[in-house]
C-alpha atoms as a PDB file:
ATOM      1  CA  MET A   1      19.790 -20.827  41.448  1.00  0.00           C
ATOM      2  CA  ASP A   2      20.574 -23.411  38.815  1.00  0.00           C
ATOM      3  CA  TRP A   3      21.509 -21.226  35.821  1.00  0.00           C
ATOM      4  CA  LYS A   4      21.440 -24.149  33.401  1.00  0.00           C
ATOM      5  CA  ILE A   5      17.765 -24.850  34.222  1.00  0.00           C
ATOM      6  CA  PHE A   6      17.019 -21.108  34.189  1.00  0.00           C
ATOM      7  CA  LEU A   7      18.525 -20.635  30.721  1.00  0.00           C
ATOM      8  CA  MET A   8      16.893 -23.805  29.379  1.00  0.00           C
ATOM      9  CA  THR A   9      13.483 -22.650  30.639  1.00  0.00           C
ATOM     10  CA  PHE A  10      13.985 -19.084  29.428  1.00  0.00           C
ATOM     11  CA  THR A  11      14.996 -20.251  25.956  1.00  0.00           C
ATOM     12  CA  ALA A  12      12.130 -22.749  25.646  1.00  0.00           C
ATOM     13  CA  VAL A  13       9.482 -20.266  26.779  1.00  0.00           C
ATOM     14  CA  PHE A  14      10.927 -17.404  24.731  1.00  0.00           C
ATOM     15  CA  ILE A  15      10.944 -19.447  21.521  1.00  0.00           C
ATOM     16  CA  ALA A  16       7.513 -20.956  22.204  1.00  0.00           C
ATOM     17  CA  GLU A  17       5.968 -17.536  22.829  1.00  0.00           C
ATOM     18  CA  LEU A  18       7.438 -15.729  19.810  1.00  0.00           C
ATOM     19  CA  ALA A  19       4.725 -14.415  17.500  1.00  0.00           C
ATOM     20  CA  ASP A  20       1.914 -16.361  19.118  1.00  0.00           C
ATOM     21  CA  LYS A  21      -1.579 -15.100  19.831  1.00  0.00           C
ATOM     22  CA  THR A  22      -0.422 -13.522  23.101  1.00  0.00           C
ATOM     23  CA  GLN A  23       1.829 -11.105  21.216  1.00  0.00           C
ATOM     24  CA  LEU A  24      -0.931 -10.361  18.731  1.00  0.00           C
ATOM     25  CA  VAL A  25      -3.293  -9.511  21.596  1.00  0.00           C
ATOM     26  CA  GLY A  26      -0.665  -7.240  23.143  1.00  0.00           C
ATOM     27  CA  ILE A  27      -0.051  -5.505  19.829  1.00  0.00           C
ATOM     28  CA  GLY A  28      -3.759  -5.016  19.282  1.00  0.00           C
ATOM     29  CA  ILE A  29      -4.495  -3.669  22.757  1.00  0.00           C
ATOM     30  CA  ALA A  30      -1.455  -1.374  22.733  1.00  0.00           C
ATOM     31  CA  ALA A  31      -2.451  -0.015  19.325  1.00  0.00           C
ATOM     32  CA  LYS A  32      -6.085   0.452  20.361  1.00  0.00           C
ATOM     33  CA  THR A  33      -5.425   2.081  23.748  1.00  0.00           C
ATOM     34  CA  GLY A  34      -2.249   3.974  22.924  1.00  0.00           C
ATOM     35  CA  ASN A  35      -0.973   3.008  26.383  1.00  0.00           C
ATOM     36  CA  PRO A  36       1.819   0.457  25.878  1.00  0.00           C
ATOM     37  CA  VAL A  37       3.140   0.704  29.448  1.00  0.00           C
ATOM     38  CA  SER A  38      -0.191  -0.397  30.950  1.00  0.00           C
ATOM     39  CA  VAL A  39      -0.470  -3.161  28.356  1.00  0.00           C
ATOM     40  CA  TRP A  40       3.044  -4.315  29.224  1.00  0.00           C
ATOM     41  CA  PHE A  41       2.334  -4.380  32.964  1.00  0.00           C
ATOM     42  CA  GLY A  42      -0.951  -6.214  32.418  1.00  0.00           C
ATOM     43  CA  SER A  43       0.698  -8.769  30.145  1.00  0.00           C
ATOM     44  CA  VAL A  44       3.589  -9.377  32.535  1.00  0.00           C
ATOM     45  CA  ALA A  45       1.243  -9.745  35.529  1.00  0.00           C
ATOM     46  CA  ALA A  46      -0.982 -12.202  33.662  1.00  0.00           C
ATOM     47  CA  TYR A  47       1.970 -14.259  32.447  1.00  0.00           C
ATOM     48  CA  MET A  48       3.464 -14.334  35.944  1.00  0.00           C
ATOM     49  CA  LEU A  49       0.204 -15.690  37.368  1.00  0.00           C
ATOM     50  CA  VAL A  50      -0.115 -18.326  34.632  1.00  0.00           C
ATOM     51  CA  THR A  51       3.500 -19.348  35.227  1.00  0.00           C
ATOM     52  CA  VAL A  52       3.023 -19.619  39.005  1.00  0.00           C
ATOM     53  CA  ILE A  53      -0.021 -21.831  38.471  1.00  0.00           C
ATOM     54  CA  SER A  54       1.694 -24.067  35.896  1.00  0.00           C
ATOM     55  CA  VAL A  55       4.858 -24.468  38.000  1.00  0.00           C
ATOM     56  CA  ALA A  56       2.788 -25.288  41.097  1.00  0.00           C
ATOM     57  CA  VAL A  57       0.719 -27.862  39.200  1.00  0.00           C
ATOM     58  CA  GLY A  58       3.900 -29.360  37.740  1.00  0.00           C
ATOM     59  CA  ALA A  59       5.520 -29.605  41.173  1.00  0.00           C
ATOM     60  CA  ILE A  60       2.424 -31.282  42.630  1.00  0.00           C
ATOM     61  CA  LEU A  61       2.083 -33.706  39.707  1.00  0.00           C
ATOM     62  CA  ALA A  62       5.766 -34.619  39.953  1.00  0.00           C
ATOM     63  CA  LYS A  63       5.130 -35.983  43.454  1.00  0.00           C
ATOM     64  CA  PHE A  64       2.596 -38.487  42.114  1.00  0.00           C
ATOM     65  CA  ILE A  65       3.530 -39.046  38.468  1.00  0.00           C
ATOM     66  CA  LYS A  66       6.927 -39.621  36.860  1.00  0.00           C
ATOM     67  CA  PRO A  67       8.118 -36.582  34.853  1.00  0.00           C
ATOM     68  CA  GLU A  68       8.501 -38.779  31.760  1.00  0.00           C
ATOM     69  CA  ILE A  69       4.787 -39.574  31.819  1.00  0.00           C
ATOM     70  CA  ILE A  70       3.925 -35.874  32.124  1.00  0.00           C
ATOM     71  CA  ARG A  71       6.227 -35.096  29.180  1.00  0.00           C
ATOM     72  CA  TYR A  72       4.704 -37.853  27.020  1.00  0.00           C
ATOM     73  CA  PHE A  73       1.177 -36.778  27.946  1.00  0.00           C
ATOM     74  CA  GLY A  74       2.017 -33.176  27.010  1.00  0.00           C
ATOM     75  CA  GLY A  75       3.440 -34.323  23.692  1.00  0.00           C
ATOM     76  CA  ILE A  76       0.355 -36.390  22.937  1.00  0.00           C
ATOM     77  CA  VAL A  77      -1.924 -33.455  23.785  1.00  0.00           C
ATOM     78  CA  PHE A  78       0.010 -31.186  21.389  1.00  0.00           C
ATOM     79  CA  ILE A  79      -0.163 -33.806  18.627  1.00  0.00           C
ATOM     80  CA  VAL A  80      -3.921 -34.222  19.119  1.00  0.00           C
ATOM     81  CA  ILE A  81      -4.431 -30.450  19.075  1.00  0.00           C
ATOM     82  CA  GLY A  82      -2.342 -30.216  15.900  1.00  0.00           C
ATOM     83  CA  ILE A  83      -4.382 -32.922  14.200  1.00  0.00           C
ATOM     84  CA  LEU A  84      -7.630 -31.227  15.250  1.00  0.00           C
ATOM     85  CA  LEU A  85      -6.386 -27.909  13.891  1.00  0.00           C
ATOM     86  CA  LEU A  86      -5.331 -29.499  10.614  1.00  0.00           C
ATOM     87  CA  THR A  87      -8.676 -31.221  10.204  1.00  0.00           C
ATOM     88  CA  LYS A  88     -10.472 -28.021  11.241  1.00  0.00           C
ATOM     89  CA  LYS A  89     -12.281 -29.729  14.124  1.00  0.00           C
ATOM     90  CA  ILE A  90     -11.379 -26.838  16.428  1.00  0.00           C
END
């Protein structure tokens, strides 16, 4: 295992996921159900599946598209989403 890539990925995902809507959903469901262990397992399972899908798609795309293009495309998508949110189009 490449620990440098592991730590870089862990740090990026951890910071990106702090206090986002996923945590708010988890807080809400745990508070409503009173069963935090089940909420935790459900959240972890869902995030694992999403991660498997995104890593698989990234690995497939990398065979056909340069990683720089994927990175630029992702950046452009985030900028467009930000503009749409600021202009209240979404």
